[in-house]
Amino acid sequence: KAEKLTLADYVSSKVLTSIEGQRLQSVFDYAVTNF
């Protein structure tokens, strides 16, 4: 019943592997710390 805001325009259908997740995590963490 509540009003809601849709957040993401794109959602990958691919499940991340552990290596892919670690790669993205390191990149996101670097970007958030050094932007």
PDB file of all heavy atoms in Angstrom:
ATOM      1  N   LYS A   1       0.813  -1.215   0.000  1.00  0.00           N
ATOM      2  CA  LYS A   1       0.000   0.000   0.000  1.00  0.00           C
ATOM      3  C   LYS A   1       0.851   1.271   0.000  1.00  0.00           C
ATOM      4  O   LYS A   1       0.364   2.351  -0.344  1.00  0.00           O
ATOM      5  CB  LYS A   1      -0.916   0.022   1.235  1.00  0.00           C
ATOM      6  CG  LYS A   1      -1.796  -1.216   1.409  1.00  0.00           C
ATOM      7  CD  LYS A   1      -2.709  -1.414   0.217  1.00  0.00           C
ATOM      8  CE  LYS A   1      -3.584  -2.649   0.397  1.00  0.00           C
ATOM      9  NZ  LYS A   1      -4.419  -2.917  -0.814  1.00  0.00           N
ATOM     10  N   ALA A   2       2.101   1.156   0.413  1.00  0.00           N
ATOM     11  CA  ALA A   2       2.956   2.332   0.584  1.00  0.00           C
ATOM     12  C   ALA A   2       3.513   2.820  -0.756  1.00  0.00           C
ATOM     13  O   ALA A   2       3.580   2.078  -1.736  1.00  0.00           O
ATOM     14  CB  ALA A   2       4.112   1.995   1.528  1.00  0.00           C
ATOM     15  N   GLU A   3       3.918   4.092  -0.752  1.00  0.00           N
ATOM     16  CA  GLU A   3       4.629   4.640  -1.908  1.00  0.00           C
ATOM     17  C   GLU A   3       6.075   4.159  -1.862  1.00  0.00           C
ATOM     18  O   GLU A   3       6.687   4.114  -0.801  1.00  0.00           O
ATOM     19  CB  GLU A   3       4.581   6.165  -1.885  1.00  0.00           C
ATOM     20  CG  GLU A   3       3.186   6.738  -2.027  1.00  0.00           C
ATOM     21  CD  GLU A   3       3.190   8.260  -1.968  1.00  0.00           C
ATOM     22  OE1 GLU A   3       4.281   8.856  -2.125  1.00  0.00           O
ATOM     23  OE2 GLU A   3       2.123   8.840  -1.754  1.00  0.00           O
ATOM     24  N   LYS A   4       6.605   3.838  -3.041  1.00  0.00           N
ATOM     25  CA  LYS A   4       7.968   3.301  -3.106  1.00  0.00           C
ATOM     26  C   LYS A   4       8.700   3.910  -4.293  1.00  0.00           C
ATOM     27  O   LYS A   4       8.085   4.226  -5.311  1.00  0.00           O
ATOM     28  CB  LYS A   4       7.925   1.778  -3.231  1.00  0.00           C
ATOM     29  CG  LYS A   4       7.262   1.084  -2.038  1.00  0.00           C
ATOM     30  CD  LYS A   4       6.980  -0.369  -2.317  1.00  0.00           C
ATOM     31  CE  LYS A   4       5.845  -0.585  -3.291  1.00  0.00           C
ATOM     32  NZ  LYS A   4       4.524  -0.230  -2.762  1.00  0.00           N
ATOM     33  N   LEU A   5      10.006   4.043  -4.129  1.00  0.00           N
ATOM     34  CA  LEU A   5      10.868   4.556  -5.191  1.00  0.00           C
ATOM     35  C   LEU A   5      11.686   3.409  -5.763  1.00  0.00           C
ATOM     36  O   LEU A   5      12.338   2.669  -5.011  1.00  0.00           O
ATOM     37  CB  LEU A   5      11.805   5.636  -4.635  1.00  0.00           C
ATOM     38  CG  LEU A   5      12.862   6.218  -5.589  1.00  0.00           C
ATOM     39  CD1 LEU A   5      12.189   7.021  -6.695  1.00  0.00           C
ATOM     40  CD2 LEU A   5      13.850   7.082  -4.816  1.00  0.00           C
ATOM     41  N   THR A   6      11.658   3.224  -7.085  1.00  0.00           N
ATOM     42  CA  THR A   6      12.482   2.213  -7.731  1.00  0.00           C
ATOM     43  C   THR A   6      13.915   2.722  -7.833  1.00  0.00           C
ATOM     44  O   THR A   6      14.149   3.864  -8.241  1.00  0.00           O
ATOM     45  CB  THR A   6      11.945   1.881  -9.134  1.00  0.00           C
ATOM     46  OG1 THR A   6      10.600   1.396  -9.013  1.00  0.00           O
ATOM     47  CG2 THR A   6      12.789   0.811  -9.807  1.00  0.00           C
ATOM     48  N   LEU A   7      14.882   1.879  -7.479  1.00  0.00           N
ATOM     49  CA  LEU A   7      16.255   2.350  -7.317  1.00  0.00           C
ATOM     50  C   LEU A   7      17.178   2.060  -8.492  1.00  0.00           C
ATOM     51  O   LEU A   7      18.031   2.881  -8.822  1.00  0.00           O
ATOM     52  CB  LEU A   7      16.856   1.729  -6.050  1.00  0.00           C
ATOM     53  CG  LEU A   7      16.138   2.060  -4.741  1.00  0.00           C
ATOM     54  CD1 LEU A   7      16.824   1.363  -3.579  1.00  0.00           C
ATOM     55  CD2 LEU A   7      16.088   3.562  -4.515  1.00  0.00           C
ATOM     56  N   ALA A   8      17.077   0.918  -9.117  1.00  0.00           N
ATOM     57  CA  ALA A   8      18.050   0.522 -10.141  1.00  0.00           C
ATOM     58  C   ALA A   8      17.374   0.388 -11.502  1.00  0.00           C
ATOM     59  O   ALA A   8      16.295  -0.189 -11.614  1.00  0.00           O
ATOM     60  CB  ALA A   8      18.732  -0.785  -9.753  1.00  0.00           C
ATOM     61  N   ASP A   9      18.020   0.923 -12.519  1.00  0.00           N
ATOM     62  CA  ASP A   9      17.512   0.794 -13.879  1.00  0.00           C
ATOM     63  C   ASP A   9      17.955  -0.504 -14.525  1.00  0.00           C
ATOM     64  O   ASP A   9      17.283  -1.043 -15.385  1.00  0.00           O
ATOM     65  CB  ASP A   9      18.004   1.968 -14.738  1.00  0.00           C
ATOM     66  CG  ASP A   9      17.455   3.297 -14.261  1.00  0.00           C
ATOM     67  OD1 ASP A   9      16.287   3.325 -13.841  1.00  0.00           O
ATOM     68  OD2 ASP A   9      18.186   4.297 -14.306  1.00  0.00           O
ATOM     69  N   TYR A  10      19.110  -0.982 -14.088  1.00  0.00           N
ATOM     70  CA  TYR A  10      19.692  -2.165 -14.729  1.00  0.00           C
ATOM     71  C   TYR A  10      20.057  -3.185 -13.665  1.00  0.00           C
ATOM     72  O   TYR A  10      20.693  -2.850 -12.670  1.00  0.00           O
ATOM     73  CB  TYR A  10      20.946  -1.783 -15.516  1.00  0.00           C
ATOM     74  CG  TYR A  10      21.765  -2.965 -16.012  1.00  0.00           C
ATOM     75  CD1 TYR A  10      21.412  -3.642 -17.176  1.00  0.00           C
ATOM     76  CD2 TYR A  10      22.888  -3.394 -15.313  1.00  0.00           C
ATOM     77  CE1 TYR A  10      22.159  -4.712 -17.627  1.00  0.00           C
ATOM     78  CE2 TYR A  10      23.643  -4.477 -15.759  1.00  0.00           C
ATOM     79  CZ  TYR A  10      23.273  -5.124 -16.912  1.00  0.00           C
ATOM     80  OH  TYR A  10      24.006  -6.185 -17.355  1.00  0.00           O
ATOM     81  N   VAL A  11      19.663  -4.417 -13.881  1.00  0.00           N
ATOM     82  CA  VAL A  11      20.020  -5.505 -12.974  1.00  0.00           C
ATOM     83  C   VAL A  11      20.575  -6.653 -13.798  1.00  0.00           C
ATOM     84  O   VAL A  11      19.880  -7.212 -14.650  1.00  0.00           O
ATOM     85  CB  VAL A  11      18.806  -5.989 -12.154  1.00  0.00           C
ATOM     86  CG1 VAL A  11      19.228  -7.122 -11.229  1.00  0.00           C
ATOM     87  CG2 VAL A  11      18.216  -4.841 -11.354  1.00  0.00           C
ATOM     88  N   SER A  12      21.826  -6.997 -13.572  1.00  0.00           N
ATOM     89  CA  SER A  12      22.441  -8.099 -14.306  1.00  0.00           C
ATOM     90  C   SER A  12      21.799  -9.415 -13.886  1.00  0.00           C
ATOM     91  O   SER A  12      21.573  -9.665 -12.703  1.00  0.00           O
ATOM     92  CB  SER A  12      23.950  -8.141 -14.026  1.00  0.00           C
ATOM     93  OG  SER A  12      24.528  -9.278 -14.631  1.00  0.00           O
ATOM     94  N   SER A  13      21.506 -10.241 -14.863  1.00  0.00           N
ATOM     95  CA  SER A  13      20.912 -11.552 -14.562  1.00  0.00           C
ATOM     96  C   SER A  13      21.970 -12.573 -14.160  1.00  0.00           C
ATOM     97  O   SER A  13      21.644 -13.672 -13.729  1.00  0.00           O
ATOM     98  CB  SER A  13      20.142 -12.071 -15.781  1.00  0.00           C
ATOM     99  OG  SER A  13      21.006 -12.192 -16.901  1.00  0.00           O
ATOM    100  N   LYS A  14      23.232 -12.194 -14.268  1.00  0.00           N
ATOM    101  CA  LYS A  14      24.325 -13.110 -13.981  1.00  0.00           C
ATOM    102  C   LYS A  14      24.696 -13.064 -12.506  1.00  0.00           C
ATOM    103  O   LYS A  14      24.875 -11.989 -11.939  1.00  0.00           O
ATOM    104  CB  LYS A  14      25.550 -12.748 -14.825  1.00  0.00           C
ATOM    105  CG  LYS A  14      26.714 -13.718 -14.647  1.00  0.00           C
ATOM    106  CD  LYS A  14      27.897 -13.299 -15.507  1.00  0.00           C
ATOM    107  CE  LYS A  14      29.071 -14.240 -15.302  1.00  0.00           C
ATOM    108  NZ  LYS A  14      30.258 -13.824 -16.090  1.00  0.00           N
ATOM    109  N   VAL A  15      24.789 -14.215 -11.889  1.00  0.00           N
ATOM    110  CA  VAL A  15      25.223 -14.290 -10.495  1.00  0.00           C
ATOM    111  C   VAL A  15      26.741 -14.162 -10.451  1.00  0.00           C
ATOM    112  O   VAL A  15      27.463 -14.816 -11.198  1.00  0.00           O
ATOM    113  CB  VAL A  15      24.793 -15.626  -9.861  1.00  0.00           C
ATOM    114  CG1 VAL A  15      25.310 -15.732  -8.435  1.00  0.00           C
ATOM    115  CG2 VAL A  15      23.262 -15.742  -9.875  1.00  0.00           C
ATOM    116  N   LEU A  16      27.226 -13.279  -9.588  1.00  0.00           N
ATOM    117  CA  LEU A  16      28.665 -13.062  -9.480  1.00  0.00           C
ATOM    118  C   LEU A  16      29.366 -14.282  -8.899  1.00  0.00           C
ATOM    119  O   LEU A  16      28.896 -14.879  -7.933  1.00  0.00           O
ATOM    120  CB  LEU A  16      28.941 -11.863  -8.557  1.00  0.00           C
ATOM    121  CG  LEU A  16      28.569 -10.477  -9.063  1.00  0.00           C
ATOM    122  CD1 LEU A  16      28.754  -9.468  -7.942  1.00  0.00           C
ATOM    123  CD2 LEU A  16      29.407 -10.087 -10.254  1.00  0.00           C
ATOM    124  N   THR A  17      30.489 -14.644  -9.494  1.00  0.00           N
ATOM    125  CA  THR A  17      31.341 -15.649  -8.877  1.00  0.00           C
ATOM    126  C   THR A  17      32.113 -14.978  -7.749  1.00  0.00           C
ATOM    127  O   THR A  17      32.143 -13.752  -7.621  1.00  0.00           O
ATOM    128  CB  THR A  17      32.330 -16.233  -9.891  1.00  0.00           C
ATOM    129  OG1 THR A  17      33.248 -15.199 -10.302  1.00  0.00           O
ATOM    130  CG2 THR A  17      31.608 -16.771 -11.115  1.00  0.00           C
ATOM    131  N   SER A  18      32.777 -15.789  -6.938  1.00  0.00           N
ATOM    132  CA  SER A  18      33.553 -15.240  -5.834  1.00  0.00           C
ATOM    133  C   SER A  18      34.654 -14.307  -6.337  1.00  0.00           C
ATOM    134  O   SER A  18      34.879 -13.227  -5.794  1.00  0.00           O
ATOM    135  CB  SER A  18      34.163 -16.370  -5.003  1.00  0.00           C
ATOM    136  OG  SER A  18      34.909 -15.857  -3.919  1.00  0.00           O
ATOM    137  N   ILE A  19      35.328 -14.701  -7.417  1.00  0.00           N
ATOM    138  CA  ILE A  19      36.418 -13.877  -7.966  1.00  0.00           C
ATOM    139  C   ILE A  19      35.861 -12.578  -8.538  1.00  0.00           C
ATOM    140  O   ILE A  19      36.423 -11.492  -8.317  1.00  0.00           O
ATOM    141  CB  ILE A  19      37.190 -14.659  -9.048  1.00  0.00           C
ATOM    142  CG1 ILE A  19      37.956 -15.822  -8.411  1.00  0.00           C
ATOM    143  CG2 ILE A  19      38.153 -13.735  -9.791  1.00  0.00           C
ATOM    144  CD1 ILE A  19      38.678 -16.702  -9.422  1.00  0.00           C
ATOM    145  N   GLU A  20      34.753 -12.653  -9.268  1.00  0.00           N
ATOM    146  CA  GLU A  20      34.147 -11.444  -9.831  1.00  0.00           C
ATOM    147  C   GLU A  20      33.706 -10.496  -8.723  1.00  0.00           C
ATOM    148  O   GLU A  20      33.895  -9.277  -8.809  1.00  0.00           O
ATOM    149  CB  GLU A  20      32.946 -11.823 -10.703  1.00  0.00           C
ATOM    150  CG  GLU A  20      33.320 -12.501 -11.999  1.00  0.00           C
ATOM    151  CD  GLU A  20      32.115 -13.042 -12.738  1.00  0.00           C
ATOM    152  OE1 GLU A  20      31.071 -13.303 -12.093  1.00  0.00           O
ATOM    153  OE2 GLU A  20      32.212 -13.199 -13.969  1.00  0.00           O
ATOM    154  N   GLY A  21      33.112 -11.064  -7.682  1.00  0.00           N
ATOM    155  CA  GLY A  21      32.670 -10.241  -6.567  1.00  0.00           C
ATOM    156  C   GLY A  21      33.826  -9.559  -5.871  1.00  0.00           C
ATOM    157  O   GLY A  21      33.756  -8.386  -5.504  1.00  0.00           O
ATOM    158  N   GLN A  22      34.929 -10.284  -5.679  1.00  0.00           N
ATOM    159  CA  GLN A  22      36.102  -9.705  -5.031  1.00  0.00           C
ATOM    160  C   GLN A  22      36.702  -8.600  -5.881  1.00  0.00           C
ATOM    161  O   GLN A  22      37.172  -7.586  -5.364  1.00  0.00           O
ATOM    162  CB  GLN A  22      37.125 -10.810  -4.758  1.00  0.00           C
ATOM    163  CG  GLN A  22      36.700 -11.767  -3.651  1.00  0.00           C
ATOM    164  CD  GLN A  22      37.570 -13.005  -3.574  1.00  0.00           C
ATOM    165  OE1 GLN A  22      38.563 -13.117  -4.296  1.00  0.00           O
ATOM    166  NE2 GLN A  22      37.194 -13.939  -2.721  1.00  0.00           N
ATOM    167  N   ARG A  23      36.684  -8.782  -7.203  1.00  0.00           N
ATOM    168  CA  ARG A  23      37.194  -7.744  -8.091  1.00  0.00           C
ATOM    169  C   ARG A  23      36.347  -6.472  -7.999  1.00  0.00           C
ATOM    170  O   ARG A  23      36.875  -5.368  -7.850  1.00  0.00           O
ATOM    171  CB  ARG A  23      37.210  -8.254  -9.535  1.00  0.00           C
ATOM    172  CG  ARG A  23      38.352  -9.211  -9.838  1.00  0.00           C
ATOM    173  CD  ARG A  23      38.240  -9.780 -11.233  1.00  0.00           C
ATOM    174  NE  ARG A  23      39.416 -10.572 -11.572  1.00  0.00           N
ATOM    175  CZ  ARG A  23      39.508 -11.354 -12.645  1.00  0.00           C
ATOM    176  NH1 ARG A  23      38.481 -11.458 -13.472  1.00  0.00           N
ATOM    177  NH2 ARG A  23      40.610 -12.030 -12.886  1.00  0.00           N
ATOM    178  N   LEU A  24      35.045  -6.639  -8.101  1.00  0.00           N
ATOM    179  CA  LEU A  24      34.171  -5.467  -8.001  1.00  0.00           C
ATOM    180  C   LEU A  24      34.277  -4.822  -6.633  1.00  0.00           C
ATOM    181  O   LEU A  24      34.262  -3.594  -6.499  1.00  0.00           O
ATOM    182  CB  LEU A  24      32.717  -5.866  -8.284  1.00  0.00           C
ATOM    183  CG  LEU A  24      32.318  -5.992  -9.756  1.00  0.00           C
ATOM    184  CD1 LEU A  24      30.869  -6.430  -9.865  1.00  0.00           C
ATOM    185  CD2 LEU A  24      32.524  -4.685 -10.500  1.00  0.00           C
ATOM    186  N   GLN A  25      34.374  -5.641  -5.581  1.00  0.00           N
ATOM    187  CA  GLN A  25      34.485  -5.112  -4.231  1.00  0.00           C
ATOM    188  C   GLN A  25      35.732  -4.249  -4.088  1.00  0.00           C
ATOM    189  O   GLN A  25      35.689  -3.144  -3.542  1.00  0.00           O
ATOM    190  CB  GLN A  25      34.526  -6.244  -3.210  1.00  0.00           C
ATOM    191  CG  GLN A  25      34.962  -5.822  -1.804  1.00  0.00           C
ATOM    192  CD  GLN A  25      34.060  -4.776  -1.212  1.00  0.00           C
ATOM    193  OE1 GLN A  25      32.855  -4.807  -1.448  1.00  0.00           O
ATOM    194  NE2 GLN A  25      34.615  -3.850  -0.450  1.00  0.00           N
ATOM    195  N   SER A  26      36.866  -4.729  -4.591  1.00  0.00           N
ATOM    196  CA  SER A  26      38.103  -3.966  -4.461  1.00  0.00           C
ATOM    197  C   SER A  26      38.015  -2.655  -5.224  1.00  0.00           C
ATOM    198  O   SER A  26      38.506  -1.616  -4.756  1.00  0.00           O
ATOM    199  CB  SER A  26      39.291  -4.799  -4.955  1.00  0.00           C
ATOM    200  OG  SER A  26      39.174  -5.107  -6.331  1.00  0.00           O
ATOM    201  N   VAL A  27      37.355  -2.684  -6.375  1.00  0.00           N
ATOM    202  CA  VAL A  27      37.211  -1.469  -7.181  1.00  0.00           C
ATOM    203  C   VAL A  27      36.263  -0.490  -6.500  1.00  0.00           C
ATOM    204  O   VAL A  27      36.546   0.716  -6.400  1.00  0.00           O
ATOM    205  CB  VAL A  27      36.707  -1.820  -8.595  1.00  0.00           C
ATOM    206  CG1 VAL A  27      36.329  -0.561  -9.359  1.00  0.00           C
ATOM    207  CG2 VAL A  27      37.775  -2.594  -9.353  1.00  0.00           C
ATOM    208  N   PHE A  28      35.110  -0.984  -6.015  1.00  0.00           N
ATOM    209  CA  PHE A  28      34.164  -0.110  -5.331  1.00  0.00           C
ATOM    210  C   PHE A  28      34.779   0.500  -4.077  1.00  0.00           C
ATOM    211  O   PHE A  28      34.619   1.686  -3.801  1.00  0.00           O
ATOM    212  CB  PHE A  28      32.888  -0.883  -4.956  1.00  0.00           C
ATOM    213  CG  PHE A  28      31.961  -1.129  -6.113  1.00  0.00           C
ATOM    214  CD1 PHE A  28      30.989  -2.114  -6.025  1.00  0.00           C
ATOM    215  CD2 PHE A  28      32.052  -0.396  -7.276  1.00  0.00           C
ATOM    216  CE1 PHE A  28      30.118  -2.348  -7.089  1.00  0.00           C
ATOM    217  CE2 PHE A  28      31.193  -0.617  -8.339  1.00  0.00           C
ATOM    218  CZ  PHE A  28      30.228  -1.600  -8.248  1.00  0.00           C
ATOM    219  N   ASP A  29      35.491  -0.330  -3.328  1.00  0.00           N
ATOM    220  CA  ASP A  29      36.094   0.156  -2.093  1.00  0.00           C
ATOM    221  C   ASP A  29      37.134   1.231  -2.393  1.00  0.00           C
ATOM    222  O   ASP A  29      37.220   2.243  -1.693  1.00  0.00           O
ATOM    223  CB  ASP A  29      36.731  -0.999  -1.325  1.00  0.00           C
ATOM    224  CG  ASP A  29      37.089  -0.617   0.102  1.00  0.00           C
ATOM    225  OD1 ASP A  29      36.202  -0.136   0.817  1.00  0.00           O
ATOM    226  OD2 ASP A  29      38.248  -0.793   0.492  1.00  0.00           O
ATOM    227  N   TYR A  30      37.929   1.019  -3.436  1.00  0.00           N
ATOM    228  CA  TYR A  30      38.929   2.011  -3.833  1.00  0.00           C
ATOM    229  C   TYR A  30      38.254   3.309  -4.268  1.00  0.00           C
ATOM    230  O   TYR A  30      38.690   4.406  -3.900  1.00  0.00           O
ATOM    231  CB  TYR A  30      39.779   1.459  -4.977  1.00  0.00           C
ATOM    232  CG  TYR A  30      40.823   2.424  -5.477  1.00  0.00           C
ATOM    233  CD1 TYR A  30      42.036   2.576  -4.813  1.00  0.00           C
ATOM    234  CD2 TYR A  30      40.589   3.190  -6.621  1.00  0.00           C
ATOM    235  CE1 TYR A  30      42.994   3.471  -5.274  1.00  0.00           C
ATOM    236  CE2 TYR A  30      41.534   4.082  -7.090  1.00  0.00           C
ATOM    237  CZ  TYR A  30      42.737   4.220  -6.414  1.00  0.00           C
ATOM    238  OH  TYR A  30      43.674   5.113  -6.870  1.00  0.00           O
ATOM    239  N   ALA A  31      37.177   3.193  -5.054  1.00  0.00           N
ATOM    240  CA  ALA A  31      36.477   4.376  -5.548  1.00  0.00           C
ATOM    241  C   ALA A  31      35.838   5.156  -4.404  1.00  0.00           C
ATOM    242  O   ALA A  31      35.934   6.389  -4.348  1.00  0.00           O
ATOM    243  CB  ALA A  31      35.411   3.968  -6.564  1.00  0.00           C
ATOM    244  N   VAL A  32      35.210   4.453  -3.466  1.00  0.00           N
ATOM    245  CA  VAL A  32      34.555   5.120  -2.335  1.00  0.00           C
ATOM    246  C   VAL A  32      35.574   5.822  -1.445  1.00  0.00           C
ATOM    247  O   VAL A  32      35.304   6.882  -0.882  1.00  0.00           O
ATOM    248  CB  VAL A  32      33.733   4.093  -1.517  1.00  0.00           C
ATOM    249  CG1 VAL A  32      33.268   4.691  -0.195  1.00  0.00           C
ATOM    250  CG2 VAL A  32      32.528   3.622  -2.324  1.00  0.00           C
ATOM    251  N   THR A  33      36.774   5.257  -1.339  1.00  0.00           N
ATOM    252  CA  THR A  33      37.806   5.828  -0.478  1.00  0.00           C
ATOM    253  C   THR A  33      38.574   6.959  -1.166  1.00  0.00           C
ATOM    254  O   THR A  33      39.004   7.907  -0.505  1.00  0.00           O
ATOM    255  CB  THR A  33      38.810   4.733  -0.050  1.00  0.00           C
ATOM    256  OG1 THR A  33      38.098   3.675   0.587  1.00  0.00           O
ATOM    257  CG2 THR A  33      39.843   5.293   0.927  1.00  0.00           C
ATOM    258  N   ASN A  34      38.707   6.899  -2.504  1.00  0.00           N
ATOM    259  CA  ASN A  34      39.590   7.825  -3.207  1.00  0.00           C
ATOM    260  C   ASN A  34      38.886   8.713  -4.233  1.00  0.00           C
ATOM    261  O   ASN A  34      39.560   9.338  -5.053  1.00  0.00           O
ATOM    262  CB  ASN A  34      40.697   7.034  -3.916  1.00  0.00           C
ATOM    263  CG  ASN A  34      41.588   6.285  -2.950  1.00  0.00           C
ATOM    264  OD1 ASN A  34      42.470   6.859  -2.323  1.00  0.00           O
ATOM    265  ND2 ASN A  34      41.357   4.977  -2.820  1.00  0.00           N
ATOM    266  N   PHE A  35      37.562   8.783  -4.209  1.00  0.00           N
ATOM    267  CA  PHE A  35      36.851   9.535  -5.242  1.00  0.00           C
ATOM    268  C   PHE A  35      37.232  11.016  -5.284  1.00  0.00           C
ATOM    269  O   PHE A  35      37.127  11.664  -6.326  1.00  0.00           O
ATOM    270  CB  PHE A  35      35.333   9.407  -5.059  1.00  0.00           C
ATOM    271  CG  PHE A  35      34.806  10.045  -3.799  1.00  0.00           C
ATOM    272  CD1 PHE A  35      34.489  11.389  -3.761  1.00  0.00           C
ATOM    273  CD2 PHE A  35      34.621   9.288  -2.655  1.00  0.00           C
ATOM    274  CE1 PHE A  35      34.002  11.977  -2.604  1.00  0.00           C
ATOM    275  CE2 PHE A  35      34.145   9.862  -1.493  1.00  0.00           C
ATOM    276  CZ  PHE A  35      33.840  11.216  -1.466  1.00  0.00           C
TER     277      PHE A  35
END
